[in-house]
Amino acid sequence: MRPRLRARTAARPSRPPAEAERLRGGGRQYTTAAGACGGLVALIWLFVVRPDGPAAPSRVDITQQAARLRAVAPYQTYVPRGLPAGWLVTGSRITGTPGDGPVAWHLGFRTVLGGYAAVEESDEDPAAFVPRMTNRDRPVGAQQVAGATWERYHRPDKRQYSLARRLPGVTIVVTGTASYDELAALAAALRPQLKPQSQP
């Protein structure tokens, strides 16, 4: 009978100390890198995205923008005056010229309750301007604001509320995610601007 052979167990080669230390440190390096990435994302979210945080005040000078609009618009222009404390201007944009119209003004606000509201006024055909600004073809009702009748519009899927008023030569829409009450406050604050007197 052949003698039973003993199975030989091969000894695992030991890793050099430097390699073993590198492998043990890999987990720590991964954790450190992940933490750094998470911190960067948090900073971006805090200072850039900031979905529910307070809006930074804009450097838009409404008086200056209103004067520019008054100079180029061929219609009676309207500017908000005396809005409640806490409303912040988020942006202003004037487009078009009398020779290359229509002339339009967009003026955006963050309301005191954190909603968004904008004044849109233009001498564009209201049949095209109102549906484009409100994202609706037909009003859902009417609302009295400071003795004037404004049409109500609502786009539920966009959480967009709007008030529109057609005046001779100009159409005004106040619109945004703000409530009808806040939009009405903005509409009530609109005041007509006097056209600059022509030089003799």
N, C-alpha and C. Protein backbone atom coordinates (compact mmCIF):
# COMPACT_ATOMS: atom_id res chain seq x y z
N MET A 1 0.84 -1.20 0.00
CA MET A 1 0.00 0.00 0.00
C MET A 1 0.87 1.24 0.00
N ARG A 2 0.38 2.21 -0.80
CA ARG A 2 1.15 3.44 -0.86
C ARG A 2 0.90 4.27 0.39
N PRO A 3 1.92 4.85 0.91
CA PRO A 3 1.71 5.70 2.09
C PRO A 3 0.86 6.93 1.71
N ARG A 4 -0.07 7.28 2.64
CA ARG A 4 -0.96 8.44 2.38
C ARG A 4 -0.11 9.70 2.38
N LEU A 5 -0.31 10.41 1.31
CA LEU A 5 0.45 11.65 1.17
C LEU A 5 -0.25 12.76 1.96
N ARG A 6 0.49 13.49 2.68
CA ARG A 6 -0.05 14.62 3.41
C ARG A 6 -0.19 15.84 2.48
N ALA A 7 -1.36 16.41 2.52
CA ALA A 7 -1.57 17.60 1.69
C ALA A 7 -0.74 18.74 2.23
N ARG A 8 -0.07 19.37 1.29
CA ARG A 8 0.76 20.51 1.66
C ARG A 8 -0.05 21.81 1.55
N THR A 9 -0.07 22.55 2.57
CA THR A 9 -0.75 23.84 2.57
C THR A 9 0.24 24.92 2.23
N ALA A 10 -0.03 25.57 1.09
CA ALA A 10 0.90 26.61 0.65
C ALA A 10 0.70 27.84 1.52
N ALA A 11 1.74 28.33 2.03
CA ALA A 11 1.69 29.51 2.88
C ALA A 11 1.49 30.75 2.01
N ARG A 12 0.55 31.58 2.43
CA ARG A 12 0.33 32.82 1.68
C ARG A 12 1.49 33.76 1.87
N PRO A 13 1.94 34.31 0.75
CA PRO A 13 3.06 35.24 0.89
C PRO A 13 2.60 36.50 1.62
N SER A 14 3.35 36.93 2.54
CA SER A 14 2.99 38.14 3.29
C SER A 14 3.27 39.37 2.44
N ARG A 15 2.35 40.36 2.53
CA ARG A 15 2.52 41.58 1.76
C ARG A 15 3.55 42.45 2.45
N PRO A 16 4.26 43.20 1.65
CA PRO A 16 5.21 44.14 2.25
C PRO A 16 4.47 45.14 3.13
N PRO A 17 5.06 45.64 4.18
CA PRO A 17 4.39 46.58 5.09
C PRO A 17 3.83 47.80 4.38
N ALA A 18 4.54 48.33 3.40
CA ALA A 18 4.07 49.54 2.71
C ALA A 18 2.79 49.27 1.95
N GLU A 19 2.70 48.10 1.28
CA GLU A 19 1.50 47.77 0.52
C GLU A 19 0.33 47.54 1.46
N ALA A 20 0.56 46.86 2.57
CA ALA A 20 -0.50 46.61 3.53
C ALA A 20 -1.05 47.92 4.09
N GLU A 21 -0.16 48.85 4.37
CA GLU A 21 -0.60 50.14 4.89
C GLU A 21 -1.41 50.91 3.86
N ARG A 22 -0.99 50.79 2.58
CA ARG A 22 -1.72 51.48 1.51
C ARG A 22 -3.13 50.94 1.37
N LEU A 23 -3.28 49.59 1.49
CA LEU A 23 -4.60 48.98 1.37
C LEU A 23 -5.49 49.35 2.54
N ARG A 24 -4.90 49.40 3.75
CA ARG A 24 -5.69 49.78 4.91
C ARG A 24 -6.12 51.24 4.83
N GLY A 25 -5.27 52.07 4.25
CA GLY A 25 -5.57 53.50 4.15
C GLY A 25 -6.54 53.84 3.05
N GLY A 26 -6.82 52.90 2.13
CA GLY A 26 -7.73 53.18 1.01
C GLY A 26 -9.12 53.55 1.48
N GLY A 27 -9.63 52.86 2.49
CA GLY A 27 -10.95 53.16 3.01
C GLY A 27 -11.02 54.56 3.58
N ARG A 28 -9.97 54.93 4.31
CA ARG A 28 -9.95 56.28 4.89
C ARG A 28 -9.91 57.34 3.79
N GLN A 29 -9.12 57.08 2.74
CA GLN A 29 -9.03 58.05 1.64
C GLN A 29 -10.37 58.18 0.93
N TYR A 30 -11.06 57.06 0.75
CA TYR A 30 -12.36 57.09 0.09
C TYR A 30 -13.35 57.90 0.92
N THR A 31 -13.34 57.66 2.23
CA THR A 31 -14.25 58.39 3.11
C THR A 31 -13.96 59.89 3.08
N THR A 32 -12.68 60.24 3.09
CA THR A 32 -12.29 61.65 3.06
C THR A 32 -12.74 62.31 1.76
N ALA A 33 -12.52 61.60 0.62
CA ALA A 33 -12.91 62.16 -0.68
C ALA A 33 -14.42 62.32 -0.79
N ALA A 34 -15.15 61.32 -0.30
CA ALA A 34 -16.62 61.40 -0.35
C ALA A 34 -17.12 62.55 0.51
N GLY A 35 -16.51 62.74 1.67
CA GLY A 35 -16.92 63.85 2.53
C GLY A 35 -16.64 65.19 1.89
N ALA A 36 -15.49 65.30 1.20
CA ALA A 36 -15.16 66.55 0.52
C ALA A 36 -16.16 66.85 -0.59
N CYS A 37 -16.53 65.82 -1.36
CA CYS A 37 -17.51 66.01 -2.44
C CYS A 37 -18.87 66.41 -1.87
N GLY A 38 -19.25 65.76 -0.77
CA GLY A 38 -20.53 66.11 -0.15
C GLY A 38 -20.54 67.55 0.34
N GLY A 39 -19.42 67.99 0.91
CA GLY A 39 -19.34 69.37 1.37
C GLY A 39 -19.44 70.36 0.22
N LEU A 40 -18.81 70.02 -0.92
CA LEU A 40 -18.88 70.90 -2.09
C LEU A 40 -20.29 71.00 -2.62
N VAL A 41 -20.99 69.87 -2.68
CA VAL A 41 -22.38 69.88 -3.14
C VAL A 41 -23.24 70.72 -2.20
N ALA A 42 -23.00 70.60 -0.90
CA ALA A 42 -23.78 71.38 0.06
C ALA A 42 -23.56 72.88 -0.12
N LEU A 43 -22.30 73.26 -0.39
CA LEU A 43 -22.01 74.68 -0.60
C LEU A 43 -22.69 75.20 -1.86
N ILE A 44 -22.64 74.39 -2.93
CA ILE A 44 -23.31 74.79 -4.17
C ILE A 44 -24.80 74.96 -3.95
N TRP A 45 -25.40 74.01 -3.24
CA TRP A 45 -26.83 74.08 -2.96
C TRP A 45 -27.17 75.31 -2.13
N LEU A 46 -26.32 75.62 -1.15
CA LEU A 46 -26.60 76.72 -0.24
C LEU A 46 -26.48 78.07 -0.92
N PHE A 47 -25.40 78.24 -1.73
CA PHE A 47 -25.13 79.56 -2.27
C PHE A 47 -25.61 79.77 -3.70
N VAL A 48 -25.91 78.69 -4.41
CA VAL A 48 -26.33 78.84 -5.81
C VAL A 48 -27.78 78.44 -6.00
N VAL A 49 -28.12 77.20 -5.60
CA VAL A 49 -29.48 76.72 -5.83
C VAL A 49 -30.45 77.40 -4.88
N ARG A 50 -30.28 77.18 -3.58
CA ARG A 50 -31.02 77.83 -2.52
C ARG A 50 -32.50 77.93 -2.85
N PRO A 51 -33.20 76.76 -3.06
CA PRO A 51 -34.56 76.82 -3.55
C PRO A 51 -35.55 77.54 -2.63
N ASP A 52 -35.36 77.44 -1.33
CA ASP A 52 -36.31 78.05 -0.41
C ASP A 52 -35.67 79.15 0.42
N GLY A 53 -34.44 79.49 0.11
CA GLY A 53 -33.76 80.51 0.88
C GLY A 53 -34.14 81.90 0.42
N PRO A 54 -33.74 82.92 1.15
CA PRO A 54 -34.07 84.28 0.78
C PRO A 54 -33.32 84.70 -0.47
N ALA A 55 -33.99 85.43 -1.33
CA ALA A 55 -33.35 85.90 -2.56
C ALA A 55 -32.45 87.09 -2.24
N ALA A 56 -31.31 87.11 -2.89
CA ALA A 56 -30.42 88.24 -2.70
C ALA A 56 -30.99 89.46 -3.40
N PRO A 57 -30.93 90.63 -2.76
CA PRO A 57 -31.46 91.82 -3.40
C PRO A 57 -30.76 92.10 -4.72
N SER A 58 -31.53 92.50 -5.73
CA SER A 58 -30.96 92.81 -7.02
C SER A 58 -30.42 94.24 -7.01
N ARG A 59 -29.50 94.51 -7.90
CA ARG A 59 -28.97 95.86 -8.03
C ARG A 59 -29.74 96.67 -9.06
N VAL A 60 -30.88 96.16 -9.49
CA VAL A 60 -31.69 96.87 -10.47
C VAL A 60 -32.25 98.14 -9.85
N ASP A 61 -32.06 99.25 -10.54
CA ASP A 61 -32.61 100.53 -10.12
C ASP A 61 -33.92 100.73 -10.88
N ILE A 62 -35.04 100.54 -10.18
CA ILE A 62 -36.34 100.64 -10.85
C ILE A 62 -36.54 102.03 -11.45
N THR A 63 -36.12 103.07 -10.73
CA THR A 63 -36.29 104.43 -11.23
C THR A 63 -35.56 104.62 -12.55
N GLN A 64 -34.34 104.10 -12.62
CA GLN A 64 -33.56 104.22 -13.86
C GLN A 64 -34.19 103.43 -14.99
N GLN A 65 -34.65 102.21 -14.68
CA GLN A 65 -35.28 101.38 -15.70
C GLN A 65 -36.59 102.00 -16.18
N ALA A 66 -37.35 102.58 -15.25
CA ALA A 66 -38.61 103.21 -15.62
C ALA A 66 -38.39 104.41 -16.52
N ALA A 67 -37.35 105.18 -16.24
CA ALA A 67 -37.03 106.33 -17.09
C ALA A 67 -36.63 105.88 -18.49
N ARG A 68 -35.87 104.79 -18.57
CA ARG A 68 -35.47 104.27 -19.88
C ARG A 68 -36.69 103.79 -20.66
N LEU A 69 -37.59 103.09 -19.96
CA LEU A 69 -38.81 102.60 -20.61
C LEU A 69 -39.65 103.77 -21.11
N ARG A 70 -39.80 104.78 -20.28
CA ARG A 70 -40.60 105.95 -20.64
C ARG A 70 -40.04 106.64 -21.87
N ALA A 71 -38.72 106.61 -22.03
CA ALA A 71 -38.08 107.27 -23.17
C ALA A 71 -38.28 106.52 -24.48
N VAL A 72 -38.40 105.16 -24.41
CA VAL A 72 -38.47 104.39 -25.65
C VAL A 72 -39.87 103.88 -25.97
N ALA A 73 -40.74 103.77 -24.97
CA ALA A 73 -42.06 103.18 -25.22
C ALA A 73 -42.99 104.19 -25.89
N PRO A 74 -43.71 103.78 -26.92
CA PRO A 74 -44.65 104.68 -27.59
C PRO A 74 -46.03 104.69 -26.92
N TYR A 75 -46.12 104.20 -25.70
CA TYR A 75 -47.39 104.10 -25.00
C TYR A 75 -47.25 104.64 -23.57
N GLN A 76 -48.37 104.78 -22.91
CA GLN A 76 -48.37 105.18 -21.50
C GLN A 76 -47.80 104.05 -20.66
N THR A 77 -46.71 104.31 -19.97
CA THR A 77 -46.05 103.27 -19.18
C THR A 77 -46.52 103.33 -17.72
N TYR A 78 -46.40 102.19 -17.03
CA TYR A 78 -46.82 102.07 -15.64
C TYR A 78 -45.70 101.46 -14.82
N VAL A 79 -45.50 102.00 -13.62
CA VAL A 79 -44.41 101.57 -12.74
C VAL A 79 -44.96 101.34 -11.34
N PRO A 80 -44.56 100.25 -10.66
CA PRO A 80 -45.03 100.03 -9.28
C PRO A 80 -44.41 101.02 -8.30
N ARG A 81 -45.26 101.58 -7.45
CA ARG A 81 -44.81 102.52 -6.42
C ARG A 81 -45.41 102.10 -5.09
N GLY A 82 -44.59 102.15 -4.04
CA GLY A 82 -45.10 101.89 -2.70
C GLY A 82 -45.50 100.46 -2.42
N LEU A 83 -44.73 99.50 -2.94
CA LEU A 83 -45.01 98.10 -2.63
C LEU A 83 -44.76 97.81 -1.16
N PRO A 84 -45.41 96.80 -0.59
CA PRO A 84 -45.19 96.47 0.82
C PRO A 84 -43.71 96.18 1.10
N ALA A 85 -43.29 96.45 2.31
CA ALA A 85 -41.91 96.18 2.71
C ALA A 85 -41.62 94.69 2.57
N GLY A 86 -40.43 94.37 2.13
CA GLY A 86 -40.02 92.98 1.99
C GLY A 86 -40.04 92.47 0.56
N TRP A 87 -40.60 93.21 -0.37
CA TRP A 87 -40.56 92.81 -1.77
C TRP A 87 -39.16 93.12 -2.32
N LEU A 88 -38.58 92.17 -3.02
CA LEU A 88 -37.23 92.33 -3.57
C LEU A 88 -37.27 92.25 -5.10
N VAL A 89 -36.60 93.18 -5.75
CA VAL A 89 -36.50 93.14 -7.21
C VAL A 89 -35.54 92.04 -7.60
N THR A 90 -35.95 91.16 -8.52
CA THR A 90 -35.08 90.07 -8.97
C THR A 90 -34.55 90.29 -10.38
N GLY A 91 -35.13 91.20 -11.14
CA GLY A 91 -34.61 91.44 -12.48
C GLY A 91 -35.49 92.37 -13.28
N SER A 92 -34.90 92.98 -14.29
CA SER A 92 -35.62 93.88 -15.17
C SER A 92 -35.07 93.73 -16.58
N ARG A 93 -35.98 93.78 -17.56
CA ARG A 93 -35.55 93.65 -18.96
C ARG A 93 -36.49 94.45 -19.85
N ILE A 94 -35.91 95.31 -20.68
CA ILE A 94 -36.67 96.09 -21.66
C ILE A 94 -36.27 95.61 -23.04
N THR A 95 -37.25 95.28 -23.86
CA THR A 95 -36.96 94.80 -25.22
C THR A 95 -37.76 95.61 -26.22
N GLY A 96 -37.21 95.68 -27.44
CA GLY A 96 -37.90 96.36 -28.52
C GLY A 96 -37.65 97.86 -28.54
N THR A 97 -37.93 98.47 -29.66
CA THR A 97 -37.84 99.92 -29.85
C THR A 97 -39.04 100.34 -30.71
N PRO A 98 -39.37 101.63 -30.73
CA PRO A 98 -40.49 102.05 -31.57
C PRO A 98 -40.31 101.65 -33.03
N GLY A 99 -39.08 101.64 -33.51
CA GLY A 99 -38.84 101.25 -34.90
C GLY A 99 -38.74 99.75 -35.09
N ASP A 100 -38.51 99.03 -34.01
CA ASP A 100 -38.37 97.58 -34.08
C ASP A 100 -39.11 96.98 -32.88
N GLY A 101 -40.41 97.21 -32.87
CA GLY A 101 -41.22 96.82 -31.71
C GLY A 101 -41.66 95.37 -31.77
N PRO A 102 -42.54 94.98 -30.87
CA PRO A 102 -43.13 95.82 -29.83
C PRO A 102 -42.16 96.10 -28.69
N VAL A 103 -42.47 97.15 -27.91
CA VAL A 103 -41.67 97.48 -26.74
C VAL A 103 -42.30 96.81 -25.53
N ALA A 104 -41.49 96.08 -24.78
CA ALA A 104 -42.01 95.35 -23.62
C ALA A 104 -41.08 95.53 -22.43
N TRP A 105 -41.66 95.48 -21.24
CA TRP A 105 -40.90 95.58 -20.00
C TRP A 105 -41.27 94.41 -19.10
N HIS A 106 -40.24 93.71 -18.65
CA HIS A 106 -40.39 92.65 -17.65
C HIS A 106 -39.73 93.12 -16.37
N LEU A 107 -40.46 93.10 -15.26
CA LEU A 107 -39.93 93.49 -13.97
C LEU A 107 -40.34 92.43 -12.95
N GLY A 108 -39.35 91.70 -12.42
CA GLY A 108 -39.63 90.58 -11.52
C GLY A 108 -39.39 90.91 -10.06
N PHE A 109 -40.16 90.26 -9.19
CA PHE A 109 -40.04 90.46 -7.74
C PHE A 109 -40.12 89.13 -7.01
N ARG A 110 -39.48 89.08 -5.85
CA ARG A 110 -39.75 88.03 -4.85
C ARG A 110 -40.58 88.70 -3.77
N THR A 111 -41.76 88.14 -3.51
CA THR A 111 -42.67 88.78 -2.57
C THR A 111 -42.25 88.52 -1.13
N VAL A 112 -42.91 89.21 -0.22
CA VAL A 112 -42.58 89.06 1.19
C VAL A 112 -42.88 87.65 1.68
N LEU A 113 -43.82 86.95 1.02
CA LEU A 113 -44.14 85.58 1.41
C LEU A 113 -43.31 84.55 0.66
N GLY A 114 -42.36 85.00 -0.16
CA GLY A 114 -41.47 84.07 -0.85
C GLY A 114 -41.93 83.64 -2.22
N GLY A 115 -43.05 84.18 -2.70
CA GLY A 115 -43.51 83.84 -4.05
C GLY A 115 -42.82 84.71 -5.09
N TYR A 116 -43.12 84.40 -6.36
CA TYR A 116 -42.56 85.18 -7.47
C TYR A 116 -43.68 85.92 -8.16
N ALA A 117 -43.45 87.19 -8.48
CA ALA A 117 -44.44 88.00 -9.18
C ALA A 117 -43.72 88.90 -10.17
N ALA A 118 -44.31 89.10 -11.32
CA ALA A 118 -43.68 89.93 -12.35
C ALA A 118 -44.71 90.82 -13.01
N VAL A 119 -44.25 92.01 -13.39
CA VAL A 119 -45.04 92.91 -14.22
C VAL A 119 -44.57 92.74 -15.65
N GLU A 120 -45.51 92.47 -16.55
CA GLU A 120 -45.21 92.38 -17.97
C GLU A 120 -46.10 93.39 -18.68
N GLU A 121 -45.50 94.36 -19.34
CA GLU A 121 -46.31 95.33 -20.08
C GLU A 121 -45.74 95.53 -21.47
N SER A 122 -46.62 95.70 -22.44
CA SER A 122 -46.18 95.78 -23.83
C SER A 122 -47.28 96.35 -24.70
N ASP A 123 -46.86 96.88 -25.87
CA ASP A 123 -47.83 97.31 -26.88
C ASP A 123 -48.04 96.22 -27.93
N GLU A 124 -47.59 95.00 -27.62
CA GLU A 124 -47.86 93.87 -28.50
C GLU A 124 -49.36 93.61 -28.56
N ASP A 125 -49.83 93.02 -29.65
CA ASP A 125 -51.23 92.67 -29.78
C ASP A 125 -51.66 91.85 -28.56
N PRO A 126 -52.65 92.32 -27.79
CA PRO A 126 -53.04 91.59 -26.57
C PRO A 126 -53.55 90.18 -26.84
N ALA A 127 -54.07 89.94 -28.05
CA ALA A 127 -54.55 88.60 -28.38
C ALA A 127 -53.42 87.59 -28.38
N ALA A 128 -52.19 88.05 -28.60
CA ALA A 128 -51.02 87.17 -28.55
C ALA A 128 -50.27 87.33 -27.23
N PHE A 129 -50.19 88.57 -26.73
CA PHE A 129 -49.39 88.86 -25.54
C PHE A 129 -49.96 88.20 -24.28
N VAL A 130 -51.26 88.34 -24.06
CA VAL A 130 -51.86 87.81 -22.83
C VAL A 130 -51.73 86.29 -22.74
N PRO A 131 -52.10 85.52 -23.78
CA PRO A 131 -51.93 84.07 -23.67
C PRO A 131 -50.47 83.65 -23.47
N ARG A 132 -49.55 84.41 -24.08
CA ARG A 132 -48.14 84.04 -23.94
C ARG A 132 -47.64 84.30 -22.53
N MET A 133 -48.09 85.37 -21.91
CA MET A 133 -47.65 85.71 -20.55
C MET A 133 -48.34 84.85 -19.49
N THR A 134 -49.60 84.50 -19.73
CA THR A 134 -50.36 83.75 -18.72
C THR A 134 -50.34 82.25 -18.94
N ASN A 135 -49.90 81.82 -20.12
CA ASN A 135 -49.93 80.40 -20.49
C ASN A 135 -51.35 79.85 -20.51
N ARG A 136 -52.31 80.71 -20.76
CA ARG A 136 -53.71 80.30 -20.88
C ARG A 136 -54.38 81.09 -21.99
N ASP A 137 -55.38 80.47 -22.63
CA ASP A 137 -56.10 81.13 -23.72
C ASP A 137 -57.31 81.92 -23.22
N ARG A 138 -57.89 81.48 -22.11
CA ARG A 138 -59.10 82.11 -21.62
C ARG A 138 -59.00 82.42 -20.14
N PRO A 139 -59.61 83.53 -19.72
CA PRO A 139 -59.62 83.84 -18.28
C PRO A 139 -60.54 82.90 -17.52
N VAL A 140 -60.29 82.80 -16.21
CA VAL A 140 -61.12 81.96 -15.35
C VAL A 140 -62.04 82.81 -14.47
N GLY A 141 -61.99 84.11 -14.67
CA GLY A 141 -62.83 85.00 -13.88
C GLY A 141 -62.31 86.41 -13.96
N ALA A 142 -62.78 87.25 -13.04
CA ALA A 142 -62.37 88.65 -13.00
C ALA A 142 -62.14 89.05 -11.55
N GLN A 143 -61.35 90.11 -11.36
CA GLN A 143 -61.04 90.59 -10.03
C GLN A 143 -60.96 92.11 -10.04
N GLN A 144 -61.56 92.73 -9.05
CA GLN A 144 -61.50 94.18 -8.91
C GLN A 144 -60.23 94.56 -8.14
N VAL A 145 -59.45 95.44 -8.73
CA VAL A 145 -58.22 95.92 -8.10
C VAL A 145 -58.22 97.44 -8.17
N ALA A 146 -58.30 98.08 -7.02
CA ALA A 146 -58.27 99.55 -6.95
C ALA A 146 -59.28 100.18 -7.89
N GLY A 147 -60.47 99.60 -7.96
CA GLY A 147 -61.53 100.14 -8.78
C GLY A 147 -61.48 99.77 -10.24
N ALA A 148 -60.50 98.97 -10.66
CA ALA A 148 -60.38 98.55 -12.05
C ALA A 148 -60.60 97.05 -12.15
N THR A 149 -61.11 96.59 -13.28
CA THR A 149 -61.37 95.17 -13.49
C THR A 149 -60.20 94.52 -14.21
N TRP A 150 -59.67 93.47 -13.61
CA TRP A 150 -58.58 92.69 -14.20
C TRP A 150 -59.10 91.28 -14.47
N GLU A 151 -58.65 90.68 -15.55
CA GLU A 151 -59.01 89.29 -15.84
C GLU A 151 -58.10 88.35 -15.06
N ARG A 152 -58.68 87.28 -14.54
CA ARG A 152 -57.91 86.27 -13.82
C ARG A 152 -57.57 85.10 -14.74
N TYR A 153 -56.33 84.62 -14.62
CA TYR A 153 -55.89 83.43 -15.35
C TYR A 153 -55.21 82.50 -14.36
N HIS A 154 -55.28 81.19 -14.64
CA HIS A 154 -54.65 80.20 -13.76
C HIS A 154 -54.16 79.04 -14.59
N ARG A 155 -52.89 78.67 -14.36
CA ARG A 155 -52.30 77.49 -15.00
C ARG A 155 -51.88 76.54 -13.88
N PRO A 156 -52.75 75.57 -13.50
CA PRO A 156 -52.48 74.74 -12.31
C PRO A 156 -51.18 73.95 -12.37
N ASP A 157 -50.86 73.35 -13.53
CA ASP A 157 -49.67 72.51 -13.58
C ASP A 157 -48.38 73.30 -13.41
N LYS A 158 -48.42 74.59 -13.68
CA LYS A 158 -47.24 75.44 -13.48
C LYS A 158 -47.33 76.26 -12.20
N ARG A 159 -48.45 76.10 -11.46
CA ARG A 159 -48.71 76.91 -10.27
C ARG A 159 -48.59 78.39 -10.60
N GLN A 160 -49.12 78.76 -11.76
CA GLN A 160 -49.02 80.14 -12.23
C GLN A 160 -50.38 80.83 -12.13
N TYR A 161 -50.37 81.99 -11.50
CA TYR A 161 -51.56 82.83 -11.37
C TYR A 161 -51.28 84.15 -12.10
N SER A 162 -52.31 84.71 -12.72
CA SER A 162 -52.10 85.93 -13.50
C SER A 162 -53.32 86.83 -13.43
N LEU A 163 -53.04 88.13 -13.52
CA LEU A 163 -54.07 89.15 -13.69
C LEU A 163 -53.68 89.96 -14.92
N ALA A 164 -54.65 90.24 -15.79
CA ALA A 164 -54.36 90.96 -17.03
C ALA A 164 -55.35 92.10 -17.21
N ARG A 165 -54.84 93.20 -17.76
CA ARG A 165 -55.68 94.36 -18.04
C ARG A 165 -55.26 94.97 -19.37
N ARG A 166 -56.22 95.16 -20.22
CA ARG A 166 -55.98 95.78 -21.52
C ARG A 166 -56.34 97.27 -21.45
N LEU A 167 -55.37 98.10 -21.78
CA LEU A 167 -55.56 99.55 -21.78
C LEU A 167 -55.28 100.08 -23.19
N PRO A 168 -55.70 101.30 -23.49
CA PRO A 168 -55.43 101.85 -24.82
C PRO A 168 -53.92 101.90 -25.10
N GLY A 169 -53.48 101.14 -26.07
CA GLY A 169 -52.08 101.17 -26.49
C GLY A 169 -51.15 100.28 -25.70
N VAL A 170 -51.60 99.71 -24.58
CA VAL A 170 -50.70 98.89 -23.76
C VAL A 170 -51.51 97.83 -23.02
N THR A 171 -50.90 96.68 -22.83
CA THR A 171 -51.49 95.60 -22.04
C THR A 171 -50.56 95.30 -20.88
N ILE A 172 -51.15 95.12 -19.69
CA ILE A 172 -50.36 94.82 -18.49
C ILE A 172 -50.79 93.47 -17.94
N VAL A 173 -49.80 92.64 -17.63
CA VAL A 173 -50.05 91.35 -17.00
C VAL A 173 -49.18 91.28 -15.75
N VAL A 174 -49.77 90.95 -14.61
CA VAL A 174 -48.99 90.62 -13.42
C VAL A 174 -49.15 89.12 -13.22
N THR A 175 -48.05 88.42 -13.10
CA THR A 175 -48.11 86.96 -13.13
C THR A 175 -47.01 86.35 -12.28
N GLY A 176 -47.20 85.10 -11.88
CA GLY A 176 -46.16 84.40 -11.12
C GLY A 176 -46.76 83.31 -10.25
N THR A 177 -45.95 82.84 -9.30
CA THR A 177 -46.40 81.83 -8.35
C THR A 177 -47.03 82.45 -7.11
N ALA A 178 -46.96 83.78 -7.02
CA ALA A 178 -47.58 84.48 -5.89
C ALA A 178 -49.10 84.33 -5.97
N SER A 179 -49.76 84.52 -4.84
CA SER A 179 -51.21 84.39 -4.78
C SER A 179 -51.88 85.55 -5.49
N TYR A 180 -53.18 85.40 -5.74
CA TYR A 180 -53.94 86.49 -6.35
C TYR A 180 -53.89 87.75 -5.47
N ASP A 181 -53.88 87.58 -4.15
CA ASP A 181 -53.83 88.73 -3.26
C ASP A 181 -52.54 89.52 -3.45
N GLU A 182 -51.41 88.80 -3.55
CA GLU A 182 -50.13 89.49 -3.75
C GLU A 182 -50.05 90.10 -5.15
N LEU A 183 -50.58 89.38 -6.15
CA LEU A 183 -50.60 89.95 -7.50
C LEU A 183 -51.46 91.21 -7.54
N ALA A 184 -52.57 91.19 -6.79
CA ALA A 184 -53.43 92.36 -6.73
C ALA A 184 -52.71 93.53 -6.07
N ALA A 185 -51.89 93.25 -5.05
CA ALA A 185 -51.11 94.30 -4.41
C ALA A 185 -50.13 94.93 -5.40
N LEU A 186 -49.53 94.09 -6.24
CA LEU A 186 -48.61 94.59 -7.26
C LEU A 186 -49.37 95.41 -8.31
N ALA A 187 -50.51 94.90 -8.74
CA ALA A 187 -51.30 95.62 -9.74
C ALA A 187 -51.78 96.97 -9.19
N ALA A 188 -52.19 96.99 -7.92
CA ALA A 188 -52.67 98.23 -7.32
C ALA A 188 -51.57 99.26 -7.16
N ALA A 189 -50.31 98.81 -7.10
CA ALA A 189 -49.18 99.72 -6.92
C ALA A 189 -48.74 100.38 -8.22
N LEU A 190 -49.27 99.92 -9.36
CA LEU A 190 -48.84 100.47 -10.65
C LEU A 190 -49.36 101.90 -10.83
N ARG A 191 -48.45 102.77 -11.20
CA ARG A 191 -48.80 104.18 -11.41
C ARG A 191 -48.34 104.61 -12.80
N PRO A 192 -49.15 105.43 -13.49
CA PRO A 192 -48.73 105.90 -14.82
C PRO A 192 -47.57 106.87 -14.73
N GLN A 193 -46.68 106.79 -15.70
CA GLN A 193 -45.56 107.72 -15.80
C GLN A 193 -45.89 108.80 -16.82
N LEU A 194 -45.52 110.02 -16.49
CA LEU A 194 -45.68 111.09 -17.46
C LEU A 194 -44.61 110.97 -18.54
N LYS A 195 -45.02 111.17 -19.77
CA LYS A 195 -44.05 111.15 -20.87
C LYS A 195 -43.17 112.39 -20.75
N PRO A 196 -41.87 112.23 -21.09
CA PRO A 196 -40.97 113.40 -21.03
C PRO A 196 -41.44 114.47 -22.00
N GLN A 197 -41.36 115.73 -21.57
CA GLN A 197 -41.77 116.82 -22.44
C GLN A 197 -40.76 117.00 -23.57
N SER A 198 -41.27 117.22 -24.75
CA SER A 198 -40.38 117.41 -25.90
C SER A 198 -39.72 118.77 -25.82
N GLN A 199 -38.47 118.81 -26.22
CA GLN A 199 -37.71 120.04 -26.19
C GLN A 199 -38.16 120.96 -27.31
N PRO A 200 -38.28 122.29 -27.05
CA PRO A 200 -38.70 123.23 -28.11
C PRO A 200 -37.64 123.34 -29.19
